[in-house]
Structures are given as structure tokens and as C-alpha cells.
Amino acid sequence: MANTVSALKRVRMTERRTAINRSRKSRLRHQIRTMRRLLDQKDAQGAKKALPATFSLVDRAAKWGIIKKNTAGRYKSRLTLRLRNLTTA
């Protein structure tokens, strides 16, 4: 266990940051899950409405360091491709 004042403070800060990061990652997963469900249900209108919110959350998660930048790009690319295939079909 930490036994200096600064180490105890780091433990407290780590606990706070972990809770925040866990909440942000959960929110990101839920948004992506919602988007994928809309695409699976072939709801093009709903997916188009949800796309900007999903992209915003993915970009913010990459900025915060919750996911890496390339992972964010991959998510966005695959969701866009699925939406494009849905609207053209």
C-alpha cells in the first residue's frame, strides 16, 4: 500500500480517472451497439440520424485516449460502409 502523501493522492486520482474512463468507454460501446442494431434492422433513416452522434462520440473517445486513433477510424469507416451499402440496396 502507498505510504507517502503523494502516492496516496495518486491512488485517489487513479480511482477517479478509472471511473470516468470506464463510464466513457461504456457510453461509446452503447452508441456503437445502437448504430449496429439500426443497421442490422435495415433502418436507414434511423442510422443516418444516429451517425453524427456516433462519429462525435468515437472521435471524442480517441481524443480522450479511450481508444486509439486508428481504431476510431476503423469504426467510422466500417459503419459508413455498412450504411452506404444499406442505402444503395
PDB file of N, CA and C in Angstrom:
ATOM      1  N   MET A   1       0.851  -1.191   0.000  1.00  0.00           N
ATOM      2  CA  MET A   1       0.000   0.000   0.000  1.00  0.00           C
ATOM      3  C   MET A   1       0.885   1.239   0.000  1.00  0.00           C
ATOM      4  N   ALA A   2       0.414   2.275  -0.641  1.00  0.00           N
ATOM      5  CA  ALA A   2       1.165   3.528  -0.700  1.00  0.00           C
ATOM      6  C   ALA A   2       1.271   4.132   0.697  1.00  0.00           C
ATOM      7  N   ASN A   3       2.419   4.713   0.984  1.00  0.00           N
ATOM      8  CA  ASN A   3       2.585   5.264   2.330  1.00  0.00           C
ATOM      9  C   ASN A   3       3.113   6.690   2.353  1.00  0.00           C
ATOM     10  N   THR A   4       3.172   7.326   1.198  1.00  0.00           N
ATOM     11  CA  THR A   4       3.521   8.748   1.196  1.00  0.00           C
ATOM     12  C   THR A   4       2.292   9.543   0.777  1.00  0.00           C
ATOM     13  N   VAL A   5       2.301  10.810   1.102  1.00  0.00           N
ATOM     14  CA  VAL A   5       1.155  11.661   0.786  1.00  0.00           C
ATOM     15  C   VAL A   5       0.921  11.715  -0.723  1.00  0.00           C
ATOM     16  N   SER A   6       2.004  11.882  -1.473  1.00  0.00           N
ATOM     17  CA  SER A   6       1.848  11.989  -2.931  1.00  0.00           C
ATOM     18  C   SER A   6       1.368  10.664  -3.532  1.00  0.00           C
ATOM     19  N   ALA A   7       1.840   9.538  -2.996  1.00  0.00           N
ATOM     20  CA  ALA A   7       1.403   8.244  -3.504  1.00  0.00           C
ATOM     21  C   ALA A   7      -0.072   8.001  -3.186  1.00  0.00           C
ATOM     22  N   LEU A   8      -0.497   8.402  -2.019  1.00  0.00           N
ATOM     23  CA  LEU A   8      -1.913   8.276  -1.648  1.00  0.00           C
ATOM     24  C   LEU A   8      -2.777   9.135  -2.563  1.00  0.00           C
ATOM     25  N   LYS A   9      -2.282  10.324  -2.888  1.00  0.00           N
ATOM     26  CA  LYS A   9      -3.021  11.203  -3.788  1.00  0.00           C
ATOM     27  C   LYS A   9      -3.125  10.565  -5.182  1.00  0.00           C
ATOM     28  N   ARG A  10      -2.044   9.964  -5.655  1.00  0.00           N
ATOM     29  CA  ARG A  10      -2.069   9.303  -6.961  1.00  0.00           C
ATOM     30  C   ARG A  10      -3.084   8.166  -6.977  1.00  0.00           C
ATOM     31  N   VAL A  11      -3.195   7.442  -5.863  1.00  0.00           N
ATOM     32  CA  VAL A  11      -4.177   6.357  -5.775  1.00  0.00           C
ATOM     33  C   VAL A  11      -5.588   6.930  -5.912  1.00  0.00           C
ATOM     34  N   ARG A  12      -5.853   8.031  -5.213  1.00  0.00           N
ATOM     35  CA  ARG A  12      -7.179   8.654  -5.301  1.00  0.00           C
ATOM     36  C   ARG A  12      -7.459   9.138  -6.718  1.00  0.00           C
ATOM     37  N   MET A  13      -6.475   9.783  -7.326  1.00  0.00           N
ATOM     38  CA  MET A  13      -6.658  10.311  -8.681  1.00  0.00           C
ATOM     39  C   MET A  13      -6.881   9.174  -9.685  1.00  0.00           C
ATOM     40  N   THR A  14      -6.139   8.091  -9.515  1.00  0.00           N
ATOM     41  CA  THR A  14      -6.285   6.946 -10.418  1.00  0.00           C
ATOM     42  C   THR A  14      -7.674   6.352 -10.317  1.00  0.00           C
ATOM     43  N   GLU A  15      -8.200   6.243  -9.113  1.00  0.00           N
ATOM     44  CA  GLU A  15      -9.552   5.714  -8.932  1.00  0.00           C
ATOM     45  C   GLU A  15     -10.588   6.590  -9.621  1.00  0.00           C
ATOM     46  N   ARG A  16     -10.437   7.911  -9.482  1.00  0.00           N
ATOM     47  CA  ARG A  16     -11.380   8.844 -10.133  1.00  0.00           C
ATOM     48  C   ARG A  16     -11.297   8.732 -11.645  1.00  0.00           C
ATOM     49  N   ARG A  17     -10.074   8.738 -12.187  1.00  0.00           N
ATOM     50  CA  ARG A  17      -9.893   8.682 -13.634  1.00  0.00           C
ATOM     51  C   ARG A  17     -10.388   7.347 -14.193  1.00  0.00           C
ATOM     52  N   THR A  18     -10.173   6.259 -13.447  1.00  0.00           N
ATOM     53  CA  THR A  18     -10.627   4.946 -13.891  1.00  0.00           C
ATOM     54  C   THR A  18     -12.146   4.926 -14.010  1.00  0.00           C
ATOM     55  N   ALA A  19     -12.821   5.512 -13.043  1.00  0.00           N
ATOM     56  CA  ALA A  19     -14.293   5.559 -13.081  1.00  0.00           C
ATOM     57  C   ALA A  19     -14.775   6.372 -14.287  1.00  0.00           C
ATOM     58  N   ILE A  20     -14.124   7.496 -14.543  1.00  0.00           N
ATOM     59  CA  ILE A  20     -14.510   8.346 -15.676  1.00  0.00           C
ATOM     60  C   ILE A  20     -14.279   7.609 -16.991  1.00  0.00           C
ATOM     61  N   ASN A  21     -13.099   6.985 -17.126  1.00  0.00           N
ATOM     62  CA  ASN A  21     -12.774   6.269 -18.360  1.00  0.00           C
ATOM     63  C   ASN A  21     -13.710   5.088 -18.583  1.00  0.00           C
ATOM     64  N   ARG A  22     -14.075   4.396 -17.501  1.00  0.00           N
ATOM     65  CA  ARG A  22     -14.980   3.261 -17.620  1.00  0.00           C
ATOM     66  C   ARG A  22     -16.341   3.732 -18.122  1.00  0.00           C
ATOM     67  N   SER A  23     -16.800   4.857 -17.580  1.00  0.00           N
ATOM     68  CA  SER A  23     -18.090   5.413 -17.993  1.00  0.00           C
ATOM     69  C   SER A  23     -18.054   5.830 -19.462  1.00  0.00           C
ATOM     70  N   ARG A  24     -16.977   6.477 -19.877  1.00  0.00           N
ATOM     71  CA  ARG A  24     -16.859   6.926 -21.265  1.00  0.00           C
ATOM     72  C   ARG A  24     -16.785   5.753 -22.234  1.00  0.00           C
ATOM     73  N   LYS A  25     -16.053   4.727 -21.862  1.00  0.00           N
ATOM     74  CA  LYS A  25     -15.931   3.561 -22.741  1.00  0.00           C
ATOM     75  C   LYS A  25     -17.265   2.833 -22.861  1.00  0.00           C
ATOM     76  N   SER A  26     -17.996   2.758 -21.765  1.00  0.00           N
ATOM     77  CA  SER A  26     -19.310   2.116 -21.773  1.00  0.00           C
ATOM     78  C   SER A  26     -20.267   2.891 -22.673  1.00  0.00           C
ATOM     79  N   ARG A  27     -20.229   4.219 -22.565  1.00  0.00           N
ATOM     80  CA  ARG A  27     -21.082   5.066 -23.398  1.00  0.00           C
ATOM     81  C   ARG A  27     -20.761   4.876 -24.882  1.00  0.00           C
ATOM     82  N   LEU A  28     -19.470   4.786 -25.193  1.00  0.00           N
ATOM     83  CA  LEU A  28     -19.038   4.560 -26.571  1.00  0.00           C
ATOM     84  C   LEU A  28     -19.554   3.221 -27.081  1.00  0.00           C
ATOM     85  N   ARG A  29     -19.406   2.179 -26.287  1.00  0.00           N
ATOM     86  CA  ARG A  29     -19.862   0.849 -26.696  1.00  0.00           C
ATOM     87  C   ARG A  29     -21.364   0.827 -26.937  1.00  0.00           C
ATOM     88  N   HIS A  30     -22.117   1.488 -26.058  1.00  0.00           N
ATOM     89  CA  HIS A  30     -23.566   1.517 -26.219  1.00  0.00           C
ATOM     90  C   HIS A  30     -23.965   2.240 -27.507  1.00  0.00           C
ATOM     91  N   GLN A  31     -23.280   3.334 -27.811  1.00  0.00           N
ATOM     92  CA  GLN A  31     -23.602   4.092 -29.020  1.00  0.00           C
ATOM     93  C   GLN A  31     -23.297   3.267 -30.273  1.00  0.00           C
ATOM     94  N   ILE A  32     -22.167   2.589 -30.278  1.00  0.00           N
ATOM     95  CA  ILE A  32     -21.803   1.758 -31.426  1.00  0.00           C
ATOM     96  C   ILE A  32     -22.775   0.594 -31.554  1.00  0.00           C
ATOM     97  N   ARG A  33     -23.158   0.012 -30.418  1.00  0.00           N
ATOM     98  CA  ARG A  33     -24.115  -1.098 -30.422  1.00  0.00           C
ATOM     99  C   ARG A  33     -25.458  -0.637 -30.995  1.00  0.00           C
ATOM    100  N   THR A  34     -25.899   0.558 -30.599  1.00  0.00           N
ATOM    101  CA  THR A  34     -27.158   1.109 -31.108  1.00  0.00           C
ATOM    102  C   THR A  34     -27.087   1.289 -32.627  1.00  0.00           C
ATOM    103  N   MET A  35     -25.971   1.824 -33.084  1.00  0.00           N
ATOM    104  CA  MET A  35     -25.785   2.051 -34.517  1.00  0.00           C
ATOM    105  C   MET A  35     -25.802   0.720 -35.275  1.00  0.00           C
ATOM    106  N   ARG A  36     -25.112  -0.282 -34.753  1.00  0.00           N
ATOM    107  CA  ARG A  36     -25.076  -1.585 -35.411  1.00  0.00           C
ATOM    108  C   ARG A  36     -26.458  -2.237 -35.442  1.00  0.00           C
ATOM    109  N   ARG A  37     -27.225  -2.072 -34.375  1.00  0.00           N
ATOM    110  CA  ARG A  37     -28.578  -2.638 -34.348  1.00  0.00           C
ATOM    111  C   ARG A  37     -29.456  -1.984 -35.411  1.00  0.00           C
ATOM    112  N   LEU A  38     -29.337  -0.666 -35.550  1.00  0.00           N
ATOM    113  CA  LEU A  38     -30.112   0.034 -36.578  1.00  0.00           C
ATOM    114  C   LEU A  38     -29.738  -0.488 -37.965  1.00  0.00           C
ATOM    115  N   LEU A  39     -28.455  -0.712 -38.196  1.00  0.00           N
ATOM    116  CA  LEU A  39     -28.007  -1.225 -39.487  1.00  0.00           C
ATOM    117  C   LEU A  39     -28.486  -2.659 -39.705  1.00  0.00           C
ATOM    118  N   ASP A  40     -28.472  -3.466 -38.640  1.00  0.00           N
ATOM    119  CA  ASP A  40     -28.956  -4.848 -38.757  1.00  0.00           C
ATOM    120  C   ASP A  40     -30.451  -4.891 -39.055  1.00  0.00           C
ATOM    121  N   GLN A  41     -31.198  -3.935 -38.492  1.00  0.00           N
ATOM    122  CA  GLN A  41     -32.640  -3.872 -38.721  1.00  0.00           C
ATOM    123  C   GLN A  41     -32.980  -3.214 -40.053  1.00  0.00           C
ATOM    124  N   LYS A  42     -31.948  -2.785 -40.780  1.00  0.00           N
ATOM    125  CA  LYS A  42     -32.099  -2.111 -42.077  1.00  0.00           C
ATOM    126  C   LYS A  42     -32.914  -0.822 -41.962  1.00  0.00           C
ATOM    127  N   ASP A  43     -32.693  -0.108 -40.870  1.00  0.00           N
ATOM    128  CA  ASP A  43     -33.359   1.176 -40.638  1.00  0.00           C
ATOM    129  C   ASP A  43     -32.413   2.290 -41.093  1.00  0.00           C
ATOM    130  N   ALA A  44     -32.454   2.596 -42.387  1.00  0.00           N
ATOM    131  CA  ALA A  44     -31.524   3.566 -42.960  1.00  0.00           C
ATOM    132  C   ALA A  44     -31.746   4.965 -42.387  1.00  0.00           C
ATOM    133  N   GLN A  45     -32.996   5.359 -42.207  1.00  0.00           N
ATOM    134  CA  GLN A  45     -33.294   6.701 -41.680  1.00  0.00           C
ATOM    135  C   GLN A  45     -32.762   6.851 -40.249  1.00  0.00           C
ATOM    136  N   GLY A  46     -33.043   5.875 -39.420  1.00  0.00           N
ATOM    137  CA  GLY A  46     -32.571   5.919 -38.037  1.00  0.00           C
ATOM    138  C   GLY A  46     -31.060   5.896 -37.964  1.00  0.00           C
ATOM    139  N   ALA A  47     -30.430   5.111 -38.836  1.00  0.00           N
ATOM    140  CA  ALA A  47     -28.970   5.029 -38.852  1.00  0.00           C
ATOM    141  C   ALA A  47     -28.358   6.353 -39.294  1.00  0.00           C
ATOM    142  N   LYS A  48     -28.981   7.003 -40.282  1.00  0.00           N
ATOM    143  CA  LYS A  48     -28.475   8.304 -40.736  1.00  0.00           C
ATOM    144  C   LYS A  48     -28.559   9.343 -39.623  1.00  0.00           C
ATOM    145  N   LYS A  49     -29.631   9.276 -38.839  1.00  0.00           N
ATOM    146  CA  LYS A  49     -29.787  10.212 -37.721  1.00  0.00           C
ATOM    147  C   LYS A  49     -28.761   9.938 -36.625  1.00  0.00           C
ATOM    148  N   ALA A  50     -28.468   8.664 -36.378  1.00  0.00           N
ATOM    149  CA  ALA A  50     -27.554   8.289 -35.296  1.00  0.00           C
ATOM    150  C   ALA A  50     -26.085   8.441 -35.693  1.00  0.00           C
ATOM    151  N   LEU A  51     -25.806   8.531 -36.984  1.00  0.00           N
ATOM    152  CA  LEU A  51     -24.419   8.568 -37.456  1.00  0.00           C
ATOM    153  C   LEU A  51     -23.609   9.747 -36.902  1.00  0.00           C
ATOM    154  N   PRO A  52     -24.098  10.995 -36.956  1.00  0.00           N
ATOM    155  CA  PRO A  52     -23.293  12.098 -36.428  1.00  0.00           C
ATOM    156  C   PRO A  52     -22.992  11.969 -34.932  1.00  0.00           C
ATOM    157  N   ALA A  53     -23.956  11.518 -34.166  1.00  0.00           N
ATOM    158  CA  ALA A  53     -23.735  11.352 -32.724  1.00  0.00           C
ATOM    159  C   ALA A  53     -22.707  10.257 -32.472  1.00  0.00           C
ATOM    160  N   THR A  54     -22.782   9.189 -33.253  1.00  0.00           N
ATOM    161  CA  THR A  54     -21.835   8.084 -33.098  1.00  0.00           C
ATOM    162  C   THR A  54     -20.427   8.537 -33.461  1.00  0.00           C
ATOM    163  N   PHE A  55     -20.289   9.230 -34.589  1.00  0.00           N
ATOM    164  CA  PHE A  55     -18.973   9.705 -35.009  1.00  0.00           C
ATOM    165  C   PHE A  55     -18.386  10.679 -33.996  1.00  0.00           C
ATOM    166  N   SER A  56     -19.228  11.543 -33.466  1.00  0.00           N
ATOM    167  CA  SER A  56     -18.770  12.505 -32.471  1.00  0.00           C
ATOM    168  C   SER A  56     -18.216  11.784 -31.243  1.00  0.00           C
ATOM    169  N   LEU A  57     -18.938  10.786 -30.783  1.00  0.00           N
ATOM    170  CA  LEU A  57     -18.513  10.039 -29.603  1.00  0.00           C
ATOM    171  C   LEU A  57     -17.235   9.244 -29.881  1.00  0.00           C
ATOM    172  N   VAL A  58     -17.134   8.660 -31.070  1.00  0.00           N
ATOM    173  CA  VAL A  58     -15.938   7.903 -31.434  1.00  0.00           C
ATOM    174  C   VAL A  58     -14.723   8.836 -31.478  1.00  0.00           C
ATOM    175  N   ASP A  59     -14.886  10.018 -32.092  1.00  0.00           N
ATOM    176  CA  ASP A  59     -13.782  10.979 -32.175  1.00  0.00           C
ATOM    177  C   ASP A  59     -13.358  11.473 -30.787  1.00  0.00           C
ATOM    178  N   ARG A  60     -14.347  11.738 -29.943  1.00  0.00           N
ATOM    179  CA  ARG A  60     -14.021  12.193 -28.590  1.00  0.00           C
ATOM    180  C   ARG A  60     -13.321  11.099 -27.790  1.00  0.00           C
ATOM    181  N   ALA A  61     -13.747   9.859 -27.981  1.00  0.00           N
ATOM    182  CA  ALA A  61     -13.106   8.740 -27.274  1.00  0.00           C
ATOM    183  C   ALA A  61     -11.640   8.621 -27.708  1.00  0.00           C
ATOM    184  N   ALA A  62     -11.370   8.842 -28.989  1.00  0.00           N
ATOM    185  CA  ALA A  62      -9.995   8.797 -29.480  1.00  0.00           C
ATOM    186  C   ALA A  62      -9.195   9.962 -28.899  1.00  0.00           C
ATOM    187  N   LYS A  63      -9.823  11.115 -28.807  1.00  0.00           N
ATOM    188  CA  LYS A  63      -9.144  12.287 -28.249  1.00  0.00           C
ATOM    189  C   LYS A  63      -8.803  12.071 -26.772  1.00  0.00           C
ATOM    190  N   TRP A  64      -9.731  11.459 -26.042  1.00  0.00           N
ATOM    191  CA  TRP A  64      -9.528  11.214 -24.613  1.00  0.00           C
ATOM    192  C   TRP A  64      -8.540  10.092 -24.350  1.00  0.00           C
ATOM    193  N   GLY A  65      -8.249   9.272 -25.376  1.00  0.00           N
ATOM    194  CA  GLY A  65      -7.337   8.155 -25.189  1.00  0.00           C
ATOM    195  C   GLY A  65      -8.045   6.882 -24.763  1.00  0.00           C
ATOM    196  N   ILE A  66      -9.365   6.856 -24.883  1.00  0.00           N
ATOM    197  CA  ILE A  66     -10.122   5.651 -24.539  1.00  0.00           C
ATOM    198  C   ILE A  66      -9.863   4.574 -25.592  1.00  0.00           C
ATOM    199  N   ILE A  67      -9.827   4.987 -26.861  1.00  0.00           N
ATOM    200  CA  ILE A  67      -9.453   4.099 -27.958  1.00  0.00           C
ATOM    201  C   ILE A  67      -8.375   4.806 -28.772  1.00  0.00           C
ATOM    202  N   LYS A  68      -7.667   4.043 -29.593  1.00  0.00           N
ATOM    203  CA  LYS A  68      -6.615   4.645 -30.415  1.00  0.00           C
ATOM    204  C   LYS A  68      -7.222   5.303 -31.652  1.00  0.00           C
ATOM    205  N   LYS A  69      -6.435   6.177 -32.262  1.00  0.00           N
ATOM    206  CA  LYS A  69      -6.916   6.944 -33.407  1.00  0.00           C
ATOM    207  C   LYS A  69      -7.290   6.045 -34.591  1.00  0.00           C
ATOM    208  N   ASN A  70      -6.471   5.039 -34.848  1.00  0.00           N
ATOM    209  CA  ASN A  70      -6.765   4.124 -35.959  1.00  0.00           C
ATOM    210  C   ASN A  70      -8.000   3.279 -35.686  1.00  0.00           C
ATOM    211  N   THR A  71      -8.221   2.943 -34.439  1.00  0.00           N
ATOM    212  CA  THR A  71      -9.423   2.183 -34.063  1.00  0.00           C
ATOM    213  C   THR A  71     -10.655   3.032 -34.335  1.00  0.00           C
ATOM    214  N   ALA A  72     -10.577   4.309 -33.997  1.00  0.00           N
ATOM    215  CA  ALA A  72     -11.692   5.221 -34.254  1.00  0.00           C
ATOM    216  C   ALA A  72     -11.961   5.302 -35.758  1.00  0.00           C
ATOM    217  N   GLY A  73     -10.907   5.428 -36.542  1.00  0.00           N
ATOM    218  CA  GLY A  73     -11.061   5.480 -37.993  1.00  0.00           C
ATOM    219  C   GLY A  73     -11.675   4.214 -38.546  1.00  0.00           C
ATOM    220  N   ARG A  74     -11.275   3.072 -37.994  1.00  0.00           N
ATOM    221  CA  ARG A  74     -11.811   1.795 -38.453  1.00  0.00           C
ATOM    222  C   ARG A  74     -13.299   1.676 -38.145  1.00  0.00           C
ATOM    223  N   TYR A  75     -13.691   2.072 -36.924  1.00  0.00           N
ATOM    224  CA  TYR A  75     -15.113   2.057 -36.559  1.00  0.00           C
ATOM    225  C   TYR A  75     -15.921   2.916 -37.529  1.00  0.00           C
ATOM    226  N   LYS A  76     -15.447   4.135 -37.747  1.00  0.00           N
ATOM    227  CA  LYS A  76     -16.175   5.071 -38.599  1.00  0.00           C
ATOM    228  C   LYS A  76     -16.264   4.556 -40.030  1.00  0.00           C
ATOM    229  N   SER A  77     -15.169   4.011 -40.518  1.00  0.00           N
ATOM    230  CA  SER A  77     -15.130   3.509 -41.885  1.00  0.00           C
ATOM    231  C   SER A  77     -16.104   2.348 -42.075  1.00  0.00           C
ATOM    232  N   ARG A  78     -16.104   1.411 -41.149  1.00  0.00           N
ATOM    233  CA  ARG A  78     -16.971   0.239 -41.292  1.00  0.00           C
ATOM    234  C   ARG A  78     -18.448   0.605 -41.155  1.00  0.00           C
ATOM    235  N   LEU A  79     -18.749   1.521 -40.233  1.00  0.00           N
ATOM    236  CA  LEU A  79     -20.141   1.940 -40.078  1.00  0.00           C
ATOM    237  C   LEU A  79     -20.625   2.682 -41.319  1.00  0.00           C
ATOM    238  N   THR A  80     -19.778   3.542 -41.876  1.00  0.00           N
ATOM    239  CA  THR A  80     -20.131   4.292 -43.075  1.00  0.00           C
ATOM    240  C   THR A  80     -20.360   3.349 -44.253  1.00  0.00           C
ATOM    241  N   LEU A  81     -19.472   2.363 -44.386  1.00  0.00           N
ATOM    242  CA  LEU A  81     -19.596   1.398 -45.472  1.00  0.00           C
ATOM    243  C   LEU A  81     -20.903   0.617 -45.366  1.00  0.00           C
ATOM    244  N   ARG A  82     -21.241   0.178 -44.160  1.00  0.00           N
ATOM    245  CA  ARG A  82     -22.492  -0.564 -43.970  1.00  0.00           C
ATOM    246  C   ARG A  82     -23.701   0.307 -44.275  1.00  0.00           C
ATOM    247  N   LEU A  83     -23.652   1.575 -43.861  1.00  0.00           N
ATOM    248  CA  LEU A  83     -24.759   2.486 -44.132  1.00  0.00           C
ATOM    249  C   LEU A  83     -24.881   2.737 -45.634  1.00  0.00           C
ATOM    250  N   ARG A  84     -23.769   2.921 -46.306  1.00  0.00           N
ATOM    251  CA  ARG A  84     -23.782   3.153 -47.746  1.00  0.00           C
ATOM    252  C   ARG A  84     -24.359   1.947 -48.481  1.00  0.00           C
ATOM    253  N   ASN A  85     -23.962   0.740 -48.069  1.00  0.00           N
ATOM    254  CA  ASN A  85     -24.492  -0.473 -48.691  1.00  0.00           C
ATOM    255  C   ASN A  85     -25.998  -0.605 -48.440  1.00  0.00           C
ATOM    256  N   LEU A  86     -26.440  -0.171 -47.271  1.00  0.00           N
ATOM    257  CA  LEU A  86     -27.857  -0.252 -46.941  1.00  0.00           C
ATOM    258  C   LEU A  86     -28.686   0.724 -47.777  1.00  0.00           C
ATOM    259  N   THR A  87     -28.173   1.944 -47.964  1.00  0.00           N
ATOM    260  CA  THR A  87     -28.924   2.952 -48.691  1.00  0.00           C
ATOM    261  C   THR A  87     -28.940   2.678 -50.196  1.00  0.00           C
ATOM    262  N   THR A  88     -27.862   2.076 -50.736  1.00  0.00           N
ATOM    263  CA  THR A  88     -27.841   1.798 -52.177  1.00  0.00           C
ATOM    264  C   THR A  88     -28.644   0.551 -52.523  1.00  0.00           C
ATOM    265  N   ALA A  89     -28.795  -0.351 -51.552  1.00  0.00           N
ATOM    266  CA  ALA A  89     -29.503  -1.614 -51.839  1.00  0.00           C
ATOM    267  C   ALA A  89     -31.006  -1.406 -51.929  1.00  0.00           C
TER     268      ALA A  89
END
